[in-house]
Amino acid sequence: MFKFLSKTLLTGFITLLPVVLTIYLLYWLGVSSEEVMGKAFLHFFPDSNYFPGLGMLAGVIIVFIVGLMMNAYLVRKLFSLGEELLYRLPFIKSIYRAFRDFFDFFSPNKEGLGQVVAVTFNGVELVGFITQDDPQRLPPSFGENDCVLVYLPMSYMVGGYTILVPRNDVRELQMTRDEAMRFVLTAGITGKV
């Protein structure tokens, strides 16, 4: 009886936790943007024009406008110059680069993770992502052989290995990056993607 109760509670917990965390993250983003943008809106406009949710709406509009502006060459160039400045500041560069790399991973036009591949290693196949297949973009000592750089994520962890592999030890898989990442991070427990 106790085993049944604990298994049922664990199943409920595992079912609800991703939903609750997702809802909480969206709630936190909404409340934070309402607080910041609402205060800014009240600072510049009279109280009579403000209504609850206006700060969140203004935040979404600003994010959308910034996304549109990043399509312009001049804005991207100015943004790159600003980033170069941040990359030169001693403490800030470490923090900013970590955040930048993390969010670039989710970027819709990211170049970081390429084709999903299986890497053969001592008779075992590992699921990975080609991160660099152009020998010109590898350090000189790496580019001498016909090799590719492959990232091998680890299950249930934020981490993995980046390995240099001969091109003939890599086999392309018919999976999207999202499917492959989900499959690897859950150790294949979810089964077919």
N, C-alpha and C. Protein backbone atom coordinates (compact mmCIF):
# COMPACT_ATOMS: atom_id res chain seq x y z
N MET A 1 0.82 -1.19 0.00
CA MET A 1 0.00 0.00 0.00
C MET A 1 0.87 1.27 0.00
N PHE A 2 1.92 1.26 0.86
CA PHE A 2 2.81 2.42 0.92
C PHE A 2 3.54 2.62 -0.41
N LYS A 3 3.92 1.51 -1.05
CA LYS A 3 4.61 1.59 -2.32
C LYS A 3 3.69 2.21 -3.40
N PHE A 4 2.42 1.82 -3.38
CA PHE A 4 1.45 2.38 -4.33
C PHE A 4 1.28 3.88 -4.11
N LEU A 5 1.17 4.30 -2.84
CA LEU A 5 0.99 5.72 -2.53
C LEU A 5 2.21 6.54 -2.95
N SER A 6 3.40 6.03 -2.62
CA SER A 6 4.60 6.78 -2.97
C SER A 6 4.79 6.84 -4.49
N LYS A 7 4.48 5.76 -5.19
CA LYS A 7 4.59 5.76 -6.65
C LYS A 7 3.59 6.73 -7.27
N THR A 8 2.39 6.77 -6.75
CA THR A 8 1.36 7.67 -7.26
C THR A 8 1.72 9.12 -6.99
N LEU A 9 2.23 9.41 -5.79
CA LEU A 9 2.67 10.77 -5.47
C LEU A 9 3.82 11.21 -6.37
N LEU A 10 4.78 10.31 -6.58
CA LEU A 10 5.92 10.63 -7.43
C LEU A 10 5.47 10.88 -8.87
N THR A 11 4.53 10.07 -9.36
CA THR A 11 4.00 10.26 -10.71
C THR A 11 3.31 11.61 -10.82
N GLY A 12 2.53 11.97 -9.83
CA GLY A 12 1.86 13.28 -9.83
C GLY A 12 2.85 14.42 -9.79
N PHE A 13 3.88 14.26 -8.98
CA PHE A 13 4.91 15.28 -8.86
C PHE A 13 5.64 15.48 -10.19
N ILE A 14 6.04 14.36 -10.79
CA ILE A 14 6.76 14.42 -12.07
C ILE A 14 5.87 14.99 -13.17
N THR A 15 4.58 14.72 -13.10
CA THR A 15 3.65 15.25 -14.09
C THR A 15 3.44 16.75 -13.92
N LEU A 16 3.27 17.20 -12.68
CA LEU A 16 2.94 18.59 -12.43
C LEU A 16 4.14 19.54 -12.42
N LEU A 17 5.31 19.05 -12.03
CA LEU A 17 6.46 19.94 -11.87
C LEU A 17 6.82 20.72 -13.14
N PRO A 18 6.95 20.08 -14.30
CA PRO A 18 7.25 20.87 -15.51
C PRO A 18 6.17 21.90 -15.83
N VAL A 19 4.91 21.55 -15.61
CA VAL A 19 3.80 22.48 -15.87
C VAL A 19 3.88 23.66 -14.92
N VAL A 20 4.06 23.38 -13.63
CA VAL A 20 4.11 24.43 -12.62
C VAL A 20 5.32 25.34 -12.85
N LEU A 21 6.49 24.76 -13.14
CA LEU A 21 7.68 25.57 -13.38
C LEU A 21 7.53 26.45 -14.62
N THR A 22 6.92 25.92 -15.67
CA THR A 22 6.68 26.71 -16.88
C THR A 22 5.73 27.86 -16.59
N ILE A 23 4.62 27.57 -15.90
CA ILE A 23 3.65 28.62 -15.56
C ILE A 23 4.29 29.66 -14.65
N TYR A 24 5.09 29.21 -13.68
CA TYR A 24 5.74 30.14 -12.77
C TYR A 24 6.73 31.03 -13.51
N LEU A 25 7.50 30.46 -14.45
CA LEU A 25 8.45 31.26 -15.21
C LEU A 25 7.71 32.33 -16.03
N LEU A 26 6.61 31.93 -16.68
CA LEU A 26 5.82 32.91 -17.45
C LEU A 26 5.23 33.97 -16.52
N TYR A 27 4.75 33.54 -15.36
CA TYR A 27 4.19 34.48 -14.39
C TYR A 27 5.27 35.46 -13.92
N TRP A 28 6.46 34.94 -13.61
CA TRP A 28 7.56 35.79 -13.15
C TRP A 28 7.96 36.80 -14.23
N LEU A 29 8.05 36.33 -15.48
CA LEU A 29 8.38 37.25 -16.57
C LEU A 29 7.32 38.33 -16.73
N GLY A 30 6.04 37.93 -16.64
CA GLY A 30 4.94 38.89 -16.76
C GLY A 30 4.95 39.90 -15.63
N VAL A 31 5.09 39.44 -14.39
CA VAL A 31 5.09 40.34 -13.23
C VAL A 31 6.30 41.26 -13.28
N SER A 32 7.46 40.71 -13.64
CA SER A 32 8.67 41.53 -13.70
C SER A 32 8.55 42.61 -14.77
N SER A 33 8.05 42.23 -15.95
CA SER A 33 7.93 43.23 -17.01
C SER A 33 6.86 44.26 -16.66
N GLU A 34 5.78 43.84 -16.00
CA GLU A 34 4.74 44.77 -15.58
C GLU A 34 5.30 45.76 -14.55
N GLU A 35 6.10 45.24 -13.64
CA GLU A 35 6.67 46.11 -12.60
C GLU A 35 7.64 47.13 -13.20
N VAL A 36 8.56 46.66 -14.03
CA VAL A 36 9.56 47.57 -14.60
C VAL A 36 8.94 48.51 -15.62
N MET A 37 8.23 47.95 -16.59
CA MET A 37 7.68 48.77 -17.67
C MET A 37 6.49 49.61 -17.18
N GLY A 38 5.73 49.06 -16.21
CA GLY A 38 4.61 49.84 -15.65
C GLY A 38 5.10 51.08 -14.95
N LYS A 39 6.18 50.95 -14.17
CA LYS A 39 6.77 52.11 -13.49
C LYS A 39 7.30 53.12 -14.50
N ALA A 40 7.94 52.63 -15.54
CA ALA A 40 8.46 53.52 -16.57
C ALA A 40 7.31 54.23 -17.28
N PHE A 41 6.24 53.48 -17.56
CA PHE A 41 5.07 54.07 -18.23
C PHE A 41 4.44 55.15 -17.35
N LEU A 42 4.30 54.88 -16.07
CA LEU A 42 3.72 55.86 -15.15
C LEU A 42 4.60 57.10 -15.00
N HIS A 43 5.89 56.91 -15.17
CA HIS A 43 6.81 58.04 -15.05
C HIS A 43 6.65 59.03 -16.20
N PHE A 44 6.34 58.51 -17.39
CA PHE A 44 6.27 59.36 -18.58
C PHE A 44 4.85 59.79 -18.96
N PHE A 45 3.85 59.03 -18.53
CA PHE A 45 2.47 59.33 -18.93
C PHE A 45 1.59 59.49 -17.69
N PRO A 46 0.47 60.16 -17.81
CA PRO A 46 -0.42 60.35 -16.66
C PRO A 46 -1.08 59.04 -16.22
N ASP A 47 -1.49 59.01 -14.95
CA ASP A 47 -2.12 57.82 -14.38
C ASP A 47 -3.38 57.40 -15.12
N SER A 48 -4.07 58.35 -15.70
CA SER A 48 -5.35 58.04 -16.35
C SER A 48 -5.19 57.12 -17.56
N ASN A 49 -4.01 57.10 -18.17
CA ASN A 49 -3.79 56.24 -19.33
C ASN A 49 -3.30 54.84 -18.96
N TYR A 50 -2.98 54.63 -17.69
CA TYR A 50 -2.42 53.34 -17.26
C TYR A 50 -3.53 52.37 -16.87
N PHE A 51 -3.37 51.12 -17.24
CA PHE A 51 -4.25 50.05 -16.78
C PHE A 51 -3.38 48.82 -16.53
N PRO A 52 -3.78 47.94 -15.62
CA PRO A 52 -2.97 46.75 -15.31
C PRO A 52 -2.74 45.91 -16.57
N GLY A 53 -1.53 45.52 -16.76
CA GLY A 53 -1.14 44.75 -17.93
C GLY A 53 -0.47 45.59 -19.00
N LEU A 54 -0.57 46.91 -18.87
CA LEU A 54 0.03 47.79 -19.87
C LEU A 54 1.55 47.68 -19.86
N GLY A 55 2.15 47.54 -18.69
CA GLY A 55 3.60 47.38 -18.61
C GLY A 55 4.07 46.11 -19.29
N MET A 56 3.33 45.02 -19.10
CA MET A 56 3.67 43.75 -19.73
C MET A 56 3.50 43.87 -21.26
N LEU A 57 2.44 44.51 -21.69
CA LEU A 57 2.21 44.72 -23.12
C LEU A 57 3.33 45.57 -23.72
N ALA A 58 3.71 46.63 -23.01
CA ALA A 58 4.81 47.49 -23.48
C ALA A 58 6.11 46.69 -23.56
N GLY A 59 6.35 45.81 -22.59
CA GLY A 59 7.55 44.98 -22.61
C GLY A 59 7.59 44.06 -23.82
N VAL A 60 6.45 43.44 -24.13
CA VAL A 60 6.37 42.55 -25.30
C VAL A 60 6.61 43.34 -26.58
N ILE A 61 6.02 44.53 -26.66
CA ILE A 61 6.19 45.38 -27.85
C ILE A 61 7.64 45.80 -28.02
N ILE A 62 8.29 46.17 -26.92
CA ILE A 62 9.71 46.57 -26.99
C ILE A 62 10.58 45.39 -27.43
N VAL A 63 10.33 44.21 -26.88
CA VAL A 63 11.11 43.03 -27.28
C VAL A 63 10.90 42.74 -28.76
N PHE A 64 9.68 42.88 -29.24
CA PHE A 64 9.38 42.65 -30.65
C PHE A 64 10.09 43.67 -31.53
N ILE A 65 10.08 44.92 -31.12
CA ILE A 65 10.74 45.98 -31.90
C ILE A 65 12.25 45.74 -31.94
N VAL A 66 12.83 45.34 -30.82
CA VAL A 66 14.27 45.04 -30.80
C VAL A 66 14.56 43.87 -31.75
N GLY A 67 13.70 42.85 -31.74
CA GLY A 67 13.87 41.73 -32.67
C GLY A 67 13.82 42.17 -34.12
N LEU A 68 12.90 43.07 -34.43
CA LEU A 68 12.81 43.61 -35.79
C LEU A 68 14.06 44.41 -36.15
N MET A 69 14.51 45.22 -35.21
CA MET A 69 15.68 46.07 -35.46
C MET A 69 16.94 45.24 -35.70
N MET A 70 17.03 44.07 -35.09
CA MET A 70 18.22 43.24 -35.24
C MET A 70 18.33 42.67 -36.65
N ASN A 71 17.30 42.84 -37.47
CA ASN A 71 17.38 42.43 -38.88
C ASN A 71 18.14 43.46 -39.71
N ALA A 72 18.31 44.66 -39.20
CA ALA A 72 19.02 45.72 -39.92
C ALA A 72 20.53 45.57 -39.70
N TYR A 73 21.28 45.68 -40.77
CA TYR A 73 22.73 45.50 -40.71
C TYR A 73 23.38 46.50 -39.75
N LEU A 74 22.97 47.75 -39.84
CA LEU A 74 23.58 48.80 -39.00
C LEU A 74 23.35 48.52 -37.51
N VAL A 75 22.15 48.10 -37.15
CA VAL A 75 21.84 47.80 -35.75
C VAL A 75 22.66 46.61 -35.27
N ARG A 76 22.76 45.58 -36.11
CA ARG A 76 23.58 44.41 -35.73
C ARG A 76 25.03 44.81 -35.53
N LYS A 77 25.54 45.68 -36.39
CA LYS A 77 26.92 46.13 -36.29
C LYS A 77 27.14 46.93 -35.00
N LEU A 78 26.21 47.85 -34.69
CA LEU A 78 26.30 48.62 -33.45
C LEU A 78 26.22 47.71 -32.23
N PHE A 79 25.34 46.73 -32.29
CA PHE A 79 25.20 45.77 -31.19
C PHE A 79 26.50 44.98 -31.01
N SER A 80 27.12 44.58 -32.11
CA SER A 80 28.40 43.85 -32.04
C SER A 80 29.49 44.70 -31.40
N LEU A 81 29.51 45.99 -31.75
CA LEU A 81 30.50 46.88 -31.15
C LEU A 81 30.26 47.00 -29.64
N GLY A 82 29.01 47.09 -29.25
CA GLY A 82 28.67 47.13 -27.82
C GLY A 82 29.08 45.86 -27.11
N GLU A 83 28.87 44.73 -27.77
CA GLU A 83 29.28 43.45 -27.17
C GLU A 83 30.80 43.37 -27.03
N GLU A 84 31.52 43.85 -28.03
CA GLU A 84 32.98 43.84 -27.95
C GLU A 84 33.46 44.63 -26.73
N LEU A 85 32.77 45.71 -26.44
CA LEU A 85 33.11 46.50 -25.24
C LEU A 85 32.86 45.68 -23.98
N LEU A 86 31.72 44.98 -23.92
CA LEU A 86 31.42 44.15 -22.75
C LEU A 86 32.43 43.01 -22.60
N TYR A 87 32.90 42.47 -23.73
CA TYR A 87 33.85 41.36 -23.69
C TYR A 87 35.24 41.80 -23.21
N ARG A 88 35.46 43.09 -23.09
CA ARG A 88 36.75 43.59 -22.62
C ARG A 88 36.73 43.96 -21.14
N LEU A 89 35.57 44.01 -20.54
CA LEU A 89 35.47 44.37 -19.12
C LEU A 89 35.72 43.12 -18.28
N PRO A 90 36.67 43.17 -17.35
CA PRO A 90 37.16 41.99 -16.65
C PRO A 90 36.08 41.07 -16.05
N PHE A 91 35.27 41.52 -15.17
CA PHE A 91 34.32 40.62 -14.49
C PHE A 91 33.06 40.42 -15.32
N ILE A 92 32.63 41.48 -15.97
CA ILE A 92 31.38 41.45 -16.72
C ILE A 92 31.47 40.51 -17.92
N LYS A 93 32.64 40.41 -18.56
CA LYS A 93 32.76 39.58 -19.75
C LYS A 93 32.44 38.11 -19.46
N SER A 94 32.85 37.62 -18.30
CA SER A 94 32.57 36.22 -17.96
C SER A 94 31.08 35.98 -17.78
N ILE A 95 30.43 36.87 -17.09
CA ILE A 95 28.99 36.71 -16.84
C ILE A 95 28.21 36.90 -18.14
N TYR A 96 28.52 37.97 -18.87
CA TYR A 96 27.77 38.25 -20.10
C TYR A 96 27.96 37.14 -21.12
N ARG A 97 29.20 36.67 -21.29
CA ARG A 97 29.45 35.62 -22.28
C ARG A 97 28.70 34.34 -21.92
N ALA A 98 28.62 34.00 -20.64
CA ALA A 98 27.88 32.80 -20.23
C ALA A 98 26.40 32.94 -20.57
N PHE A 99 25.82 34.10 -20.24
CA PHE A 99 24.42 34.32 -20.58
C PHE A 99 24.21 34.33 -22.10
N ARG A 100 25.11 34.99 -22.82
CA ARG A 100 24.99 35.09 -24.28
C ARG A 100 25.04 33.70 -24.91
N ASP A 101 25.98 32.87 -24.47
CA ASP A 101 26.10 31.52 -25.02
C ASP A 101 24.86 30.70 -24.71
N PHE A 102 24.34 30.83 -23.49
CA PHE A 102 23.16 30.08 -23.10
C PHE A 102 21.96 30.46 -23.97
N PHE A 103 21.73 31.76 -24.15
CA PHE A 103 20.57 32.20 -24.92
C PHE A 103 20.78 32.01 -26.42
N ASP A 104 22.02 32.04 -26.89
CA ASP A 104 22.28 31.74 -28.30
C ASP A 104 21.90 30.31 -28.64
N PHE A 105 21.99 29.43 -27.64
CA PHE A 105 21.61 28.04 -27.85
C PHE A 105 20.14 27.93 -28.27
N PHE A 106 19.29 28.83 -27.76
CA PHE A 106 17.86 28.79 -28.07
C PHE A 106 17.47 29.71 -29.22
N SER A 107 18.45 30.39 -29.81
CA SER A 107 18.17 31.34 -30.88
C SER A 107 17.62 30.62 -32.11
N PRO A 108 16.58 31.19 -32.75
CA PRO A 108 16.02 30.53 -33.93
C PRO A 108 16.98 30.50 -35.12
N ASN A 109 17.91 31.43 -35.18
CA ASN A 109 18.87 31.43 -36.29
C ASN A 109 20.28 31.12 -35.81
N LYS A 110 20.35 30.24 -34.83
CA LYS A 110 21.66 29.89 -34.25
C LYS A 110 22.50 29.10 -35.23
N GLU A 111 23.79 29.28 -35.10
CA GLU A 111 24.72 28.52 -35.90
C GLU A 111 25.45 27.49 -35.05
N GLY A 112 25.29 27.56 -33.74
CA GLY A 112 26.07 26.76 -32.82
C GLY A 112 25.95 25.26 -33.02
N LEU A 113 24.78 24.71 -32.89
CA LEU A 113 24.61 23.28 -33.03
C LEU A 113 24.15 22.97 -34.44
N GLY A 114 24.91 22.14 -35.10
CA GLY A 114 24.58 21.80 -36.47
C GLY A 114 23.84 20.49 -36.57
N GLN A 115 24.20 19.74 -37.56
CA GLN A 115 23.56 18.46 -37.87
C GLN A 115 23.64 17.50 -36.68
N VAL A 116 22.56 16.78 -36.45
CA VAL A 116 22.54 15.75 -35.42
C VAL A 116 23.24 14.52 -36.00
N VAL A 117 24.18 13.99 -35.24
CA VAL A 117 24.98 12.87 -35.73
C VAL A 117 25.13 11.80 -34.65
N ALA A 118 25.51 10.62 -35.13
CA ALA A 118 25.92 9.55 -34.23
C ALA A 118 27.43 9.40 -34.42
N VAL A 119 28.17 9.41 -33.33
CA VAL A 119 29.63 9.28 -33.37
C VAL A 119 29.98 7.87 -32.93
N THR A 120 30.74 7.18 -33.75
CA THR A 120 31.17 5.82 -33.41
C THR A 120 32.45 5.90 -32.59
N PHE A 121 32.41 5.30 -31.40
CA PHE A 121 33.54 5.34 -30.49
C PHE A 121 33.67 3.98 -29.83
N ASN A 122 34.71 3.22 -30.19
CA ASN A 122 34.94 1.87 -29.66
C ASN A 122 33.71 0.98 -29.80
N GLY A 123 33.06 1.04 -30.94
CA GLY A 123 31.90 0.19 -31.20
C GLY A 123 30.59 0.72 -30.63
N VAL A 124 30.65 1.84 -29.95
CA VAL A 124 29.45 2.44 -29.34
C VAL A 124 29.10 3.69 -30.13
N GLU A 125 27.80 3.95 -30.31
CA GLU A 125 27.39 5.17 -30.98
C GLU A 125 26.85 6.16 -29.96
N LEU A 126 27.34 7.40 -30.04
CA LEU A 126 26.91 8.47 -29.15
C LEU A 126 26.20 9.53 -29.98
N VAL A 127 25.11 10.09 -29.46
CA VAL A 127 24.37 11.13 -30.17
C VAL A 127 25.03 12.46 -29.87
N GLY A 128 25.29 13.22 -30.92
CA GLY A 128 25.94 14.52 -30.76
C GLY A 128 25.51 15.49 -31.83
N PHE A 129 26.13 16.67 -31.79
CA PHE A 129 25.83 17.75 -32.73
C PHE A 129 27.13 18.28 -33.30
N ILE A 130 27.20 18.39 -34.61
CA ILE A 130 28.39 18.99 -35.22
C ILE A 130 28.38 20.48 -34.89
N THR A 131 29.47 20.94 -34.29
CA THR A 131 29.57 22.36 -33.97
C THR A 131 30.51 23.08 -34.93
N GLN A 132 31.39 22.32 -35.58
CA GLN A 132 32.29 22.95 -36.55
C GLN A 132 32.78 21.89 -37.52
N ASP A 133 32.50 22.09 -38.82
CA ASP A 133 32.99 21.14 -39.81
C ASP A 133 33.88 21.80 -40.86
N ASP A 134 34.17 23.08 -40.64
CA ASP A 134 35.05 23.81 -41.55
C ASP A 134 36.46 23.81 -40.96
N PRO A 135 37.41 23.11 -41.60
CA PRO A 135 38.77 23.05 -41.05
C PRO A 135 39.43 24.41 -40.90
N GLN A 136 39.01 25.39 -41.71
CA GLN A 136 39.59 26.74 -41.63
C GLN A 136 39.22 27.43 -40.32
N ARG A 137 38.11 27.02 -39.69
CA ARG A 137 37.66 27.68 -38.46
C ARG A 137 38.12 26.94 -37.21
N LEU A 138 38.87 25.87 -37.38
CA LEU A 138 39.42 25.13 -36.25
C LEU A 138 40.83 25.64 -35.95
N PRO A 139 41.32 25.48 -34.72
CA PRO A 139 42.72 25.83 -34.45
C PRO A 139 43.63 25.07 -35.41
N PRO A 140 44.78 25.65 -35.78
CA PRO A 140 45.65 25.04 -36.79
C PRO A 140 45.99 23.57 -36.52
N SER A 141 46.28 23.21 -35.29
CA SER A 141 46.65 21.82 -35.02
C SER A 141 45.46 20.87 -35.16
N PHE A 142 44.22 21.39 -35.09
CA PHE A 142 43.04 20.55 -35.26
C PHE A 142 42.67 20.35 -36.72
N GLY A 143 42.95 21.34 -37.55
CA GLY A 143 42.48 21.32 -38.92
C GLY A 143 43.31 20.50 -39.87
N GLU A 144 44.36 19.83 -39.38
CA GLU A 144 45.27 19.09 -40.27
C GLU A 144 44.61 17.85 -40.86
N ASN A 145 43.80 17.16 -40.11
CA ASN A 145 43.12 15.95 -40.59
C ASN A 145 41.71 16.30 -41.03
N ASP A 146 41.05 15.38 -41.71
CA ASP A 146 39.66 15.61 -42.11
C ASP A 146 38.76 15.26 -40.92
N CYS A 147 38.63 16.23 -40.00
CA CYS A 147 37.89 16.01 -38.77
C CYS A 147 36.78 17.05 -38.61
N VAL A 148 35.83 16.72 -37.76
CA VAL A 148 34.76 17.66 -37.40
C VAL A 148 34.73 17.76 -35.88
N LEU A 149 34.24 18.89 -35.40
CA LEU A 149 34.08 19.10 -33.96
C LEU A 149 32.65 18.73 -33.61
N VAL A 150 32.48 17.86 -32.63
CA VAL A 150 31.16 17.36 -32.25
C VAL A 150 30.95 17.59 -30.76
N TYR A 151 29.77 18.12 -30.42
CA TYR A 151 29.40 18.29 -29.02
C TYR A 151 28.54 17.11 -28.61
N LEU A 152 28.91 16.45 -27.52
CA LEU A 152 28.16 15.31 -26.99
C LEU A 152 27.53 15.73 -25.66
N PRO A 153 26.23 16.06 -25.65
CA PRO A 153 25.60 16.45 -24.38
C PRO A 153 25.44 15.24 -23.47
N MET A 154 25.38 15.50 -22.17
CA MET A 154 25.22 14.44 -21.19
C MET A 154 23.79 14.42 -20.68
N SER A 155 23.29 13.26 -20.38
CA SER A 155 21.91 13.10 -19.90
C SER A 155 21.74 13.72 -18.53
N TYR A 156 20.60 14.36 -18.33
CA TYR A 156 20.18 14.94 -17.05
C TYR A 156 21.16 15.97 -16.50
N MET A 157 22.00 16.52 -17.35
CA MET A 157 22.98 17.49 -16.87
C MET A 157 23.08 18.64 -17.86
N VAL A 158 23.55 19.76 -17.38
CA VAL A 158 23.90 20.85 -18.28
C VAL A 158 25.40 20.74 -18.46
N GLY A 159 25.79 20.05 -19.47
CA GLY A 159 27.20 19.83 -19.72
C GLY A 159 27.37 18.82 -20.83
N GLY A 160 28.59 18.53 -21.14
CA GLY A 160 28.88 17.58 -22.19
C GLY A 160 30.33 17.67 -22.58
N TYR A 161 30.65 17.01 -23.67
CA TYR A 161 32.03 16.98 -24.17
C TYR A 161 32.07 17.48 -25.60
N THR A 162 33.11 18.21 -25.92
CA THR A 162 33.35 18.62 -27.29
C THR A 162 34.56 17.83 -27.76
N ILE A 163 34.36 17.03 -28.81
CA ILE A 163 35.43 16.15 -29.26
C ILE A 163 35.70 16.38 -30.74
N LEU A 164 36.94 16.15 -31.12
CA LEU A 164 37.35 16.21 -32.52
C LEU A 164 37.33 14.79 -33.05
N VAL A 165 36.54 14.57 -34.11
CA VAL A 165 36.30 13.22 -34.60
C VAL A 165 36.60 13.16 -36.10
N PRO A 166 37.24 12.09 -36.56
CA PRO A 166 37.38 11.94 -38.01
C PRO A 166 36.00 11.92 -38.67
N ARG A 167 35.91 12.58 -39.79
CA ARG A 167 34.62 12.72 -40.48
C ARG A 167 33.98 11.36 -40.79
N ASN A 168 34.78 10.34 -41.06
CA ASN A 168 34.19 9.05 -41.40
C ASN A 168 33.67 8.28 -40.18
N ASP A 169 33.91 8.79 -38.97
CA ASP A 169 33.34 8.17 -37.76
C ASP A 169 32.02 8.82 -37.35
N VAL A 170 31.50 9.68 -38.22
CA VAL A 170 30.27 10.41 -37.92
C VAL A 170 29.21 10.01 -38.93
N ARG A 171 28.01 9.71 -38.41
CA ARG A 171 26.88 9.35 -39.27
C ARG A 171 25.72 10.28 -38.97
N GLU A 172 25.15 10.91 -40.01
CA GLU A 172 24.03 11.84 -39.82
C GLU A 172 22.79 11.07 -39.37
N LEU A 173 22.04 11.68 -38.45
CA LEU A 173 20.79 11.11 -37.97
C LEU A 173 19.62 11.96 -38.47
N GLN A 174 18.50 11.34 -38.71
CA GLN A 174 17.31 12.05 -39.19
C GLN A 174 16.47 12.51 -37.99
N MET A 175 17.01 13.47 -37.24
CA MET A 175 16.33 14.05 -36.09
C MET A 175 16.57 15.55 -36.12
N THR A 176 15.61 16.31 -35.61
CA THR A 176 15.85 17.73 -35.45
C THR A 176 16.73 17.93 -34.23
N ARG A 177 17.32 19.12 -34.12
CA ARG A 177 18.16 19.41 -32.95
C ARG A 177 17.35 19.31 -31.66
N ASP A 178 16.13 19.83 -31.67
CA ASP A 178 15.30 19.78 -30.47
C ASP A 178 14.97 18.34 -30.08
N GLU A 179 14.60 17.53 -31.07
CA GLU A 179 14.29 16.13 -30.78
C GLU A 179 15.51 15.41 -30.21
N ALA A 180 16.66 15.64 -30.83
CA ALA A 180 17.88 14.97 -30.37
C ALA A 180 18.27 15.41 -28.97
N MET A 181 18.18 16.72 -28.71
CA MET A 181 18.54 17.22 -27.38
C MET A 181 17.60 16.66 -26.32
N ARG A 182 16.31 16.65 -26.61
CA ARG A 182 15.34 16.10 -25.67
C ARG A 182 15.61 14.61 -25.42
N PHE A 183 15.92 13.89 -26.50
CA PHE A 183 16.20 12.46 -26.40
C PHE A 183 17.43 12.20 -25.53
N VAL A 184 18.50 12.98 -25.77
CA VAL A 184 19.74 12.79 -25.02
C VAL A 184 19.57 13.21 -23.57
N LEU A 185 18.97 14.37 -23.33
CA LEU A 185 18.85 14.87 -21.96
C LEU A 185 17.98 14.00 -21.07
N THR A 186 17.05 13.27 -21.69
CA THR A 186 16.21 12.38 -20.88
C THR A 186 16.74 10.94 -20.92
N ALA A 187 17.94 10.75 -21.48
CA ALA A 187 18.57 9.44 -21.58
C ALA A 187 17.72 8.46 -22.37
N GLY A 188 16.91 8.97 -23.29
CA GLY A 188 16.10 8.11 -24.14
C GLY A 188 14.89 7.50 -23.45
N ILE A 189 14.64 7.90 -22.21
CA ILE A 189 13.53 7.32 -21.45
C ILE A 189 12.20 7.62 -22.11
N THR A 190 12.10 8.79 -22.75
CA THR A 190 10.85 9.17 -23.39
C THR A 190 10.59 8.32 -24.62
N GLY A 191 11.60 7.60 -25.07
CA GLY A 191 11.42 6.72 -26.23
C GLY A 191 11.49 7.48 -27.52
N LYS A 192 10.70 7.05 -28.46
CA LYS A 192 10.68 7.62 -29.80
C LYS A 192 10.36 9.09 -29.75
N VAL A 193 11.09 9.89 -30.55
CA VAL A 193 10.87 11.34 -30.56
C VAL A 193 9.85 11.74 -31.59
